[in-house]
């Protein structure tokens, strides 16, 4: 490896690492902003938040990696162009393609690592992240009893506290409506003061109430009228079960059949299984319909039916408006009812079969799209490098100003095109391979065009080039001389 290769690699690795973690941080914060309303108030601990951030940041790598490659490429070549290092290198007889070669090899290696990461790590990260997010979104908010407000967080109870002391445990003017029996507010508890004492395992909350009354309503030995019982207590403990507020983890095995949780080999196996099941549907239709079709081809029954439905000269018997006119009057209503029931059953079977066919088709498209996604990430890194490197050499601007604007613009175009192609592929409007590789196919000619312009020292992205072009256009337009 020559000193020039080491120079370009050192110039690239620093911005690449910084932009990768910055992009990853922004994407993770975007996720939390999206689900903030559903996670606030759930009483998540530090360890649970760190777990969710780690798993979600892992799943965001496929988006952050191409963006960081693009931005770092523009910054690296832009800095060298701004410092006239590219001019010195070209004047030494070294072409731009030769100068890009060490980075191209390095980015290709990153693309191979990206495929390994996308194939082996991303499915596990998706399984952990999505299962944890599902449990957090479905967990109940923490119990927060505020003064002068009714709290209905505990099932079967409505609790109101008049005031709370500064210690957070002493409560006053307590009202508890107990409707856990399902018969309405048949039990009411009033207390002048008390304490809220959680157990050490946080499974129960004890209300140690003082100086209060308990009111209960119920039938008296089957009597028609309800009887109210009032009991005074000096001190009494009311225990609430808080197990429903505990985060319950769902078995991760339930999520493993989703296409996001599979690698290339598992996706291929699932696709083959879906295609096999899909291919058997036409044969299933024939077997379903066969039990409702009666074929009379041979035997005495065939001869008697042919005589009835044909005339003396062998012509087919005619009827005015309905084939049922050829059936005997004694069995006509039964034949019509049987035919109606058979037709209705056949229609129901066909509807079920059509629904199964749609499900198999949707599954095939989703699994096929995910299979192609494993490869598009790797090629996206190489493609965006082929765009970013010549683009930086053309604009000749370093730092985070112009390179950041241009990199984000190209990445937004790439991302929107990718999402659009994925949507078209999942709806069946385009083949899966065409939809998933649509963004690559659209941007690859642009990459070659940028490389061509960078080799020829094009000034297509400089302000002076546009000013000179505008002056030439204005000079070609004849102007009327004012007299």
Protein backbone atom coordinates (compact mmCIF):
# COMPACT_ATOMS: atom_id res chain seq x y z
CA UNK A 1 0.00 0.00 0.00
CA UNK A 2 1.41 3.35 -1.03
CA UNK A 3 1.48 6.54 1.07
CA UNK A 4 -1.23 8.06 -1.12
CA UNK A 5 -3.56 5.17 -0.34
CA UNK A 6 -2.90 5.54 3.39
CA UNK A 7 -3.60 9.29 3.11
CA UNK A 8 -6.99 8.84 1.50
CA UNK A 9 -7.99 6.09 3.94
CA UNK A 10 -7.04 8.18 6.97
CA UNK A 11 -8.89 11.17 5.56
CA UNK A 12 -12.03 9.07 5.07
CA UNK A 13 -12.22 6.94 8.23
CA UNK A 14 -12.50 9.86 10.66
CA UNK A 15 -15.48 11.59 8.99
CA UNK A 16 -17.06 8.18 8.32
CA UNK A 17 -17.07 7.16 11.99
CA UNK A 18 -18.36 10.55 13.15
CA UNK A 19 -21.12 10.81 10.55
CA UNK A 20 -22.18 7.19 11.17
CA UNK A 21 -22.80 7.71 14.87
CA UNK A 22 -24.42 11.11 14.30
CA UNK A 23 -26.80 9.63 11.72
CA UNK A 24 -27.52 6.66 14.00
CA UNK A 25 -28.27 8.99 16.92
CA UNK A 26 -30.64 11.11 14.83
CA UNK A 27 -32.52 8.03 13.58
CA UNK A 28 -32.87 6.60 17.10
CA UNK A 29 -34.15 9.94 18.41
CA UNK A 30 -36.64 9.99 15.55
CA UNK A 31 -37.90 6.60 16.69
CA UNK A 32 -38.37 7.78 20.28
CA UNK A 33 -40.13 10.91 19.04
CA UNK A 34 -42.50 8.70 17.05
CA UNK A 35 -43.38 6.41 19.98
CA UNK A 36 -42.94 8.93 22.80
CA UNK A 37 -46.68 9.25 23.50
CA UNK A 38 -47.01 5.48 23.94
CA UNK A 39 -43.97 5.08 26.20
CA UNK A 40 -44.32 8.06 28.52
CA UNK A 41 -45.84 7.23 31.88
CA UNK A 42 -45.01 3.50 31.70
CA UNK A 43 -42.41 3.76 34.48
CA UNK A 44 -39.56 2.44 32.33
CA UNK A 45 -36.35 1.87 34.20
CA UNK A 46 -32.90 2.91 33.00
CA UNK A 47 -32.00 -0.68 32.06
CA UNK A 48 -35.19 -1.08 29.99
CA UNK A 49 -34.57 2.20 28.15
CA UNK A 50 -30.96 1.23 27.43
CA UNK A 51 -32.09 -2.14 26.10
CA UNK A 52 -34.63 -0.53 23.80
CA UNK A 53 -32.10 2.05 22.56
CA UNK A 54 -29.47 -0.62 21.87
CA UNK A 55 -31.80 -2.90 19.92
CA UNK A 56 -33.40 -0.05 17.98
CA UNK A 57 -30.04 1.50 17.13
CA UNK A 58 -28.96 -1.88 15.77
CA UNK A 59 -32.00 -2.03 13.49
CA UNK A 60 -31.24 1.51 12.25
CA UNK A 61 -27.78 0.57 10.92
CA UNK A 62 -29.12 -0.22 7.39
CA UNK A 63 -30.24 3.42 7.11
CA UNK A 64 -27.32 5.09 8.88
CA UNK A 65 -24.54 3.22 7.05
CA UNK A 66 -25.29 4.37 3.45
CA UNK A 67 -25.89 7.94 4.62
CA UNK A 68 -22.57 8.05 6.47
CA UNK A 69 -20.72 6.62 3.45
CA UNK A 70 -22.23 9.28 1.20
CA UNK A 71 -21.55 12.18 3.56
CA UNK A 72 -18.02 11.05 4.45
CA UNK A 73 -17.15 10.62 0.75
CA UNK A 74 -18.31 14.14 -0.10
CA UNK A 75 -16.51 15.61 2.90
CA UNK A 76 -13.25 13.76 2.19
CA UNK A 77 -12.99 14.65 -1.49
CA UNK A 78 -14.44 18.11 -0.88
CA UNK A 79 -11.74 18.91 1.69
CA UNK A 80 -9.03 17.71 -0.67
CA UNK A 81 -10.49 19.73 -3.52
CA UNK A 82 -10.78 22.84 -1.33
CA UNK A 83 -7.14 22.49 -0.21
CA UNK A 84 -5.99 21.91 -3.82
CA UNK A 85 -4.72 18.46 -2.92
CA UNK A 86 -6.69 16.92 -5.79
CA UNK A 87 -5.09 19.40 -8.20
CA UNK A 88 -1.63 18.40 -6.99
CA UNK A 89 -2.45 14.70 -7.28
CA UNK A 90 -3.84 15.06 -10.81
CA UNK A 91 -0.85 17.16 -11.86
CA UNK A 92 1.35 14.26 -10.78
CA UNK A 93 -0.31 12.07 -13.39
CA UNK A 94 -2.59 10.16 -10.98
CA UNK A 95 -6.14 9.85 -12.26
CA UNK A 96 -9.23 10.24 -10.12
CA UNK A 97 -10.14 6.57 -10.56
CA UNK A 98 -6.72 5.52 -9.28
CA UNK A 99 -7.13 7.87 -6.35
CA UNK A 100 -10.59 6.38 -5.60
CA UNK A 101 -9.35 2.78 -5.79
CA UNK A 102 -8.28 2.27 -2.12
CA UNK A 103 -11.55 3.73 -0.87
CA UNK A 104 -13.51 1.66 -3.36
CA UNK A 105 -11.88 -1.50 -2.02
CA UNK A 106 -12.52 -0.35 1.56
CA UNK A 107 -16.19 0.44 0.85
CA UNK A 108 -16.59 -2.92 -0.92
CA UNK A 109 -15.27 -4.59 2.23
CA UNK A 110 -17.77 -2.57 4.28
CA UNK A 111 -20.50 -3.74 1.88
CA UNK A 112 -19.58 -7.38 2.53
CA UNK A 113 -19.65 -6.75 6.30
CA UNK A 114 -22.98 -4.97 5.87
CA UNK A 115 -24.43 -8.05 4.18
CA UNK A 116 -23.16 -10.31 6.97
CA UNK A 117 -24.58 -7.87 9.54
CA UNK A 118 -27.89 -7.57 7.71
CA UNK A 119 -28.21 -11.32 7.32
CA UNK A 120 -27.21 -12.45 10.81
CA UNK A 121 -27.54 -9.57 13.27
CA UNK A 122 -30.52 -7.60 11.98
CA UNK A 123 -33.02 -10.52 12.28
CA UNK A 124 -32.04 -11.04 15.92
CA UNK A 125 -32.14 -7.29 16.63
CA UNK A 126 -35.57 -7.02 14.99
CA UNK A 127 -36.83 -9.91 17.11
CA UNK A 128 -35.56 -8.34 20.34
CA UNK A 129 -36.56 -4.76 19.49
CA UNK A 130 -40.03 -5.42 18.09
CA UNK A 131 -41.00 -7.89 20.82
CA UNK A 132 -39.82 -5.48 23.54
CA UNK A 133 -41.59 -2.55 21.86
CA UNK A 134 -44.79 -4.62 21.59
CA UNK A 135 -44.71 -5.40 25.32
CA UNK A 136 -43.95 -1.80 26.29
CA UNK A 137 -46.75 -0.41 24.11
CA UNK A 138 -49.25 -2.85 25.63
CA UNK A 139 -48.16 -2.40 29.23
CA UNK A 140 -50.24 -0.29 31.61
CA UNK A 141 -49.07 3.15 32.80
CA UNK A 142 -47.67 3.37 36.31
CA UNK A 143 -50.04 4.12 39.14
CA UNK A 144 -49.91 7.85 39.86
CA UNK A 145 -52.37 9.00 42.50
CA UNK A 146 -52.73 12.79 42.41
CA UNK A 147 -54.61 14.95 44.92
CA UNK A 148 -58.21 15.95 44.14
CA UNK A 149 -58.40 13.55 41.18
CA UNK A 150 -60.08 10.18 40.80
CA UNK A 151 -57.64 7.48 39.75
CA UNK A 152 -59.03 4.42 37.93
CA UNK A 153 -55.71 2.72 37.21
CA UNK A 154 -56.38 -0.28 39.46
CA UNK A 155 -59.05 -2.51 37.95
CA UNK A 156 -62.25 -2.50 39.99
CA UNK A 157 -61.38 0.57 42.08
CA UNK A 158 -61.74 4.32 41.86
CA UNK A 159 -59.53 6.17 44.35
CA UNK A 160 -59.58 9.82 45.34
CA UNK A 161 -57.13 11.47 47.73
CA UNK A 162 -57.88 14.96 49.02
CA UNK A 163 -54.26 15.88 49.69
CA UNK A 164 -50.78 14.39 50.03
CA UNK A 165 -48.10 15.49 52.44
CA UNK A 166 -44.60 16.40 51.29
CA UNK A 167 -43.26 12.95 52.19
CA UNK A 168 -45.37 11.49 49.34
CA UNK A 169 -46.76 8.70 51.55
CA UNK A 170 -49.17 10.38 53.96
CA UNK A 171 -52.63 10.95 52.44
CA UNK A 172 -55.74 12.67 53.76
CA UNK A 173 -59.48 12.68 52.97
CA UNK A 174 -59.43 9.30 51.23
CA UNK A 175 -62.38 7.95 49.23
CA UNK A 176 -62.26 4.46 47.68
CA UNK A 177 -65.09 3.15 45.48
CA UNK A 178 -64.91 -0.62 45.26
CA UNK A 179 -66.79 -2.09 42.25
CA UNK A 180 -64.67 -5.20 41.88
CA UNK A 181 -67.74 -7.40 42.43
CA UNK A 182 -69.24 -6.22 39.13
CA UNK A 183 -72.42 -4.99 40.85
CA UNK A 184 -71.58 -1.29 40.81
CA UNK A 185 -70.20 0.79 43.65
CA UNK A 186 -71.52 -1.55 46.33
CA UNK A 187 -68.60 -0.83 48.65
CA UNK A 188 -67.32 2.59 49.68
CA UNK A 189 -64.44 3.37 52.03
CA UNK A 190 -63.93 6.75 53.68
CA UNK A 191 -60.96 7.69 55.85
CA UNK A 192 -59.63 10.88 57.35
CA UNK A 193 -55.96 9.97 56.82
CA UNK A 194 -53.66 7.12 55.96
CA UNK A 195 -50.38 5.99 54.41
CA UNK A 196 -49.43 4.48 51.07
CA UNK A 197 -46.90 1.68 51.65
CA UNK A 198 -45.60 -0.32 48.66
CA UNK A 199 -44.21 -3.77 49.36
CA UNK A 200 -40.53 -4.50 48.72
CA UNK A 201 -41.25 -6.51 45.55
CA UNK A 202 -43.57 -3.74 44.23
CA UNK A 203 -46.32 -6.32 43.73
CA UNK A 204 -48.78 -4.82 46.22
CA UNK A 205 -49.71 -1.37 47.53
CA UNK A 206 -51.00 -1.11 51.10
CA UNK A 207 -53.34 1.71 52.10
CA UNK A 208 -53.03 1.89 55.91
CA UNK A 209 -56.16 3.92 56.62
CA UNK A 210 -57.04 5.55 59.94
CA UNK A 211 -60.26 6.83 61.48
CA UNK A 212 -62.72 5.91 58.75
CA UNK A 213 -65.91 4.12 57.74
CA UNK A 214 -66.75 1.23 55.43
CA UNK A 215 -70.11 1.09 53.66
CA UNK A 216 -71.31 -2.11 52.02
CA UNK A 217 -74.55 -2.91 50.22
CA UNK A 218 -76.00 -6.41 49.69
CA UNK A 219 -79.06 -8.62 49.94
CA UNK A 220 -80.01 -9.76 53.42
CA UNK A 221 -80.63 -13.53 53.23
CA UNK A 222 -82.30 -13.28 49.87
CA UNK A 223 -84.53 -10.38 50.82
CA UNK A 224 -85.86 -8.21 48.05
CA UNK A 225 -84.58 -4.94 49.52
CA UNK A 226 -80.86 -4.18 49.72
CA UNK A 227 -79.31 -3.69 53.15
CA UNK A 228 -76.51 -1.24 53.81
CA UNK A 229 -73.89 -2.08 56.39
CA UNK A 230 -71.75 0.60 58.00
CA UNK A 231 -68.59 -0.26 59.92
CA UNK A 232 -66.24 2.11 61.74
CA UNK A 233 -62.52 1.36 61.94
CA UNK A 234 -59.72 2.99 63.88
CA UNK A 235 -57.03 1.49 61.64
CA UNK A 236 -57.51 -0.78 58.64
CA UNK A 237 -55.28 -2.00 55.79
CA UNK A 238 -56.56 -2.10 52.23
CA UNK A 239 -54.25 -4.10 49.94
CA UNK A 240 -54.18 -3.50 46.18
CA UNK A 241 -52.66 -5.95 43.73
CA UNK A 242 -50.22 -4.19 41.36
CA UNK A 243 -49.23 -7.24 39.31
CA UNK A 244 -51.12 -5.88 36.29
CA UNK A 245 -48.68 -2.92 36.16
CA UNK A 246 -45.66 -5.19 35.85
CA UNK A 247 -44.16 -5.55 32.40
CA UNK A 248 -44.97 -9.03 31.09
CA UNK A 249 -42.64 -10.24 28.35
CA UNK A 250 -44.22 -12.10 25.47
CA UNK A 251 -42.60 -15.32 24.30
CA UNK A 252 -40.24 -14.35 21.46
CA UNK A 253 -41.02 -17.60 19.64
CA UNK A 254 -44.34 -16.04 18.60
CA UNK A 255 -42.50 -13.41 16.52
CA UNK A 256 -39.96 -15.66 14.79
CA UNK A 257 -42.26 -16.51 11.87
CA UNK A 258 -42.32 -12.87 10.71
CA UNK A 259 -40.23 -12.07 7.64
CA UNK A 260 -38.26 -9.35 9.46
CA UNK A 261 -36.81 -12.02 11.79
CA UNK A 262 -35.30 -14.28 9.09
CA UNK A 263 -31.99 -14.52 7.29
CA UNK A 264 -31.47 -15.27 3.60
CA UNK A 265 -31.62 -19.06 3.97
CA UNK A 266 -34.79 -18.94 6.08
CA UNK A 267 -36.42 -16.48 3.68
CA UNK A 268 -35.58 -18.72 0.73
CA UNK A 269 -37.05 -21.74 2.48
CA UNK A 270 -40.21 -19.82 3.37
CA UNK A 271 -40.55 -18.54 -0.22
CA UNK A 272 -40.29 -22.09 -1.59
CA UNK A 273 -42.89 -23.28 0.93
CA UNK A 274 -45.27 -20.46 0.00
CA UNK A 275 -44.83 -21.15 -3.73
CA UNK A 276 -45.57 -24.85 -3.10
CA UNK A 277 -48.72 -24.05 -1.13
CA UNK A 278 -49.75 -21.44 -3.69
CA UNK A 279 -49.30 -23.91 -6.54
CA UNK A 280 -51.64 -26.44 -4.91
CA UNK A 281 -54.58 -24.02 -4.76
CA UNK A 282 -55.92 -24.78 -8.31
CA UNK A 283 -55.86 -28.50 -7.52
CA UNK A 284 -57.65 -27.86 -4.25
CA UNK A 285 -60.40 -26.01 -6.12
CA UNK A 286 -60.99 -29.03 -8.32
CA UNK A 287 -61.18 -31.38 -5.32
CA UNK A 288 -63.54 -29.02 -3.49
CA UNK A 289 -65.92 -28.77 -6.43
CA UNK A 290 -65.92 -32.47 -7.31
CA UNK A 291 -68.17 -33.44 -4.39
CA UNK A 292 -70.87 -31.04 -5.61
CA UNK A 293 -70.82 -32.19 -9.26
CA UNK A 294 -72.61 -35.36 -10.33
CA UNK A 295 -71.45 -36.91 -13.57
CA UNK A 296 -73.67 -39.58 -15.13
CA UNK A 297 -71.89 -41.16 -18.05
CA UNK A 298 -72.71 -44.89 -18.08
CA UNK A 299 -75.39 -47.32 -16.93
CA UNK A 300 -79.17 -47.47 -16.90
CA UNK A 301 -79.50 -44.09 -15.16
CA UNK A 302 -77.61 -42.50 -18.02
CA UNK A 303 -79.89 -44.13 -20.61
CA UNK A 304 -83.10 -43.15 -18.83
CA UNK A 305 -81.92 -39.54 -18.41
CA UNK A 306 -80.93 -39.31 -22.05
CA UNK A 307 -84.36 -40.57 -23.12
CA UNK A 308 -86.06 -38.00 -20.95
CA UNK A 309 -83.94 -35.06 -22.12
CA UNK A 310 -83.95 -36.04 -25.82
CA UNK A 311 -86.74 -36.50 -28.27
CA UNK A 312 -87.66 -39.42 -30.50
CA UNK A 313 -85.27 -38.36 -33.23
CA UNK A 314 -82.41 -37.79 -30.77
CA UNK A 315 -82.80 -34.00 -30.58
CA UNK A 316 -82.23 -32.32 -27.24
CA UNK A 317 -85.44 -31.55 -25.38
CA UNK A 318 -86.37 -27.88 -25.29
CA UNK A 319 -87.67 -25.77 -22.42
CA UNK A 320 -89.13 -22.27 -22.21
CA UNK A 321 -87.35 -20.50 -19.36
CA UNK A 322 -85.91 -23.02 -16.88
CA UNK A 323 -84.20 -26.38 -17.07
CA UNK A 324 -86.31 -27.45 -14.07
CA UNK A 325 -89.27 -27.89 -16.44
CA UNK A 326 -87.66 -31.16 -17.59
CA UNK A 327 -87.69 -32.50 -14.02
CA UNK A 328 -90.66 -34.36 -12.62
CA UNK A 329 -93.11 -32.29 -10.63
CA UNK A 330 -92.82 -34.57 -7.60
CA UNK A 331 -89.11 -33.90 -7.11
CA UNK A 332 -88.75 -30.47 -8.69
CA UNK A 333 -88.76 -28.44 -5.45
CA UNK A 334 -86.27 -30.80 -3.83
CA UNK A 335 -83.98 -30.62 -6.86
CA UNK A 336 -84.10 -26.82 -6.85
CA UNK A 337 -83.34 -26.67 -3.12
CA UNK A 338 -80.45 -29.11 -3.50
CA UNK A 339 -79.02 -27.16 -6.42
CA UNK A 340 -79.31 -23.90 -4.45
CA UNK A 341 -77.54 -25.37 -1.42
CA UNK A 342 -74.79 -26.85 -3.58
CA UNK A 343 -74.26 -23.53 -5.36
CA UNK A 344 -74.12 -21.65 -2.05
CA UNK A 345 -71.60 -24.13 -0.62
CA UNK A 346 -69.48 -23.94 -3.77
CA UNK A 347 -69.46 -20.14 -3.59
CA UNK A 348 -68.38 -20.26 0.08
CA UNK A 349 -65.54 -22.64 -0.74
CA UNK A 350 -64.46 -20.46 -3.64
CA UNK A 351 -64.45 -17.36 -1.39
CA UNK A 352 -62.30 -19.17 1.19
CA UNK A 353 -59.94 -20.38 -1.55
CA UNK A 354 -59.71 -16.89 -3.06
CA UNK A 355 -58.90 -15.44 0.37
CA UNK A 356 -56.22 -18.09 0.91
CA UNK A 357 -54.78 -17.28 -2.51
CA UNK A 358 -54.57 -13.56 -1.62
CA UNK A 359 -52.86 -14.35 1.70
CA UNK A 360 -50.30 -16.59 0.02
CA UNK A 361 -49.63 -13.94 -2.61
CA UNK A 362 -49.15 -11.20 -0.01
CA UNK A 363 -46.81 -13.42 2.01
CA UNK A 364 -44.82 -14.31 -1.09
CA UNK A 365 -44.37 -10.63 -1.97
CA UNK A 366 -43.33 -9.67 1.59
CA UNK A 367 -40.81 -12.50 1.93
CA UNK A 368 -39.43 -11.87 -1.56
CA UNK A 369 -39.02 -8.15 -0.85
CA UNK A 370 -37.19 -8.92 2.39
CA UNK A 371 -34.89 -11.37 0.58
CA UNK A 372 -33.82 -8.67 -1.88
CA UNK A 373 -33.40 -6.14 0.95
CA UNK A 374 -30.53 -8.22 2.34
CA UNK A 375 -28.50 -7.44 -0.79
CA UNK A 376 -29.62 -3.87 -1.57
CA UNK A 377 -27.98 -2.52 1.62
CA UNK A 378 -24.54 -3.78 0.59
CA UNK A 379 -24.80 -2.38 -2.91
CA UNK A 380 -26.24 0.91 -1.62
CA UNK A 381 -22.98 1.59 0.27
CA UNK A 382 -20.93 1.13 -2.90
CA UNK A 383 -23.40 3.12 -5.02
CA UNK A 384 -23.51 6.11 -2.69
CA UNK A 385 -19.70 6.11 -2.52
CA UNK A 386 -19.58 6.26 -6.32
CA UNK A 387 -21.90 9.27 -6.09
CA UNK A 388 -20.26 11.00 -3.12
CA UNK A 389 -16.59 10.75 -4.17
CA UNK A 390 -16.89 12.47 -7.58
CA UNK A 391 -19.47 14.88 -6.17
CA UNK A 392 -17.01 16.04 -3.51
CA UNK A 393 -14.29 16.42 -6.14
CA UNK A 394 -16.62 18.61 -8.22
CA UNK A 395 -18.01 20.93 -5.52
CA UNK A 396 -14.61 21.25 -3.76
CA UNK A 397 -16.14 22.21 -0.44
CA UNK A 398 -15.35 20.55 2.88
CA UNK A 399 -16.84 20.69 6.34
CA UNK A 400 -20.51 20.21 7.21
CA UNK A 401 -22.06 23.00 5.12
CA UNK A 402 -22.57 22.32 1.45
CA UNK A 403 -21.54 18.61 1.69
CA UNK A 404 -24.23 17.97 4.30
CA UNK A 405 -26.95 19.64 2.21
CA UNK A 406 -26.01 17.75 -0.95
CA UNK A 407 -25.57 14.42 0.88
CA UNK A 408 -28.95 14.70 2.59
CA UNK A 409 -30.58 15.67 -0.71
CA UNK A 410 -29.19 12.64 -2.54
CA UNK A 411 -29.97 10.33 0.38
CA UNK A 412 -33.57 11.59 0.57
CA UNK A 413 -33.97 10.90 -3.16
CA UNK A 414 -32.47 7.44 -2.69
CA UNK A 415 -34.62 6.67 0.36
CA UNK A 416 -37.88 7.92 -1.16
CA UNK A 417 -37.23 5.95 -4.35
CA UNK A 418 -36.43 2.84 -2.29
CA UNK A 419 -39.61 3.16 -0.24
CA UNK A 420 -41.65 3.78 -3.37
CA UNK A 421 -40.18 0.71 -5.07
CA UNK A 422 -40.81 -1.39 -1.96
CA UNK A 423 -44.45 -0.29 -1.81
CA UNK A 424 -44.95 -1.09 -5.50
CA UNK A 425 -43.33 -4.49 -5.02
CA UNK A 426 -45.47 -5.37 -1.98
CA UNK A 427 -48.67 -4.45 -3.84
CA UNK A 428 -47.65 -6.55 -6.83
CA UNK A 429 -47.50 -3.57 -9.22
CA UNK A 430 -43.84 -4.41 -9.92
CA UNK A 431 -41.83 -7.62 -9.59
CA UNK A 432 -40.01 -7.83 -6.30
CA UNK A 433 -36.54 -7.56 -7.83
CA UNK A 434 -37.52 -4.53 -9.91
CA UNK A 435 -39.11 -2.66 -7.01
CA UNK A 436 -36.24 -3.28 -4.58
CA UNK A 437 -33.51 -2.42 -7.11
CA UNK A 438 -35.36 0.54 -8.64
CA UNK A 439 -33.47 3.16 -6.62
CA UNK A 440 -30.15 1.56 -7.53
CA UNK A 441 -31.04 1.42 -11.21
CA UNK A 442 -32.03 5.09 -11.22
CA UNK A 443 -28.97 6.41 -9.38
CA UNK A 444 -26.30 4.23 -11.00
CA UNK A 445 -26.29 6.24 -14.28
CA UNK A 446 -26.02 9.43 -12.21
CA UNK A 447 -22.96 7.98 -10.46
CA UNK A 448 -21.27 7.24 -13.81
CA UNK A 449 -22.17 10.73 -15.06
CA UNK A 450 -20.64 12.32 -11.95
CA UNK A 451 -17.46 10.25 -12.31
CA UNK A 452 -17.16 11.35 -15.95
CA UNK A 453 -17.58 15.02 -15.01
CA UNK A 454 -15.14 14.75 -12.09
CA UNK A 455 -12.44 13.23 -14.33
CA UNK A 456 -12.87 16.14 -16.77
CA UNK A 457 -12.79 18.79 -14.00
CA UNK A 458 -16.38 19.80 -14.68
CA UNK A 459 -17.68 22.92 -12.97
CA UNK A 460 -21.32 21.96 -13.19
CA UNK A 461 -21.80 22.48 -9.44
CA UNK A 462 -20.01 25.83 -9.16
CA UNK A 463 -21.79 29.17 -9.06
CA UNK A 464 -19.41 30.75 -11.59
CA UNK A 465 -20.33 28.12 -14.21
CA UNK A 466 -24.01 29.06 -13.99
CA UNK A 467 -23.20 32.80 -14.12
CA UNK A 468 -21.08 32.36 -17.24
CA UNK A 469 -23.77 30.19 -18.84
CA UNK A 470 -26.44 32.80 -18.07
CA UNK A 471 -24.32 35.60 -19.57
CA UNK A 472 -23.86 33.57 -22.75
CA UNK A 473 -27.61 33.00 -23.01
CA UNK A 474 -28.33 36.70 -22.46
CA UNK A 475 -25.74 37.63 -25.13
CA UNK A 476 -27.51 35.43 -27.68
CA UNK A 477 -30.88 37.15 -27.12
CA UNK A 478 -31.21 40.30 -29.34
CA UNK A 479 -32.27 43.42 -27.46
CA UNK A 480 -34.13 46.36 -28.99
CA UNK A 481 -32.17 49.59 -28.73
CA UNK A 482 -34.12 52.35 -27.15
CA UNK A 483 -34.30 55.52 -29.24
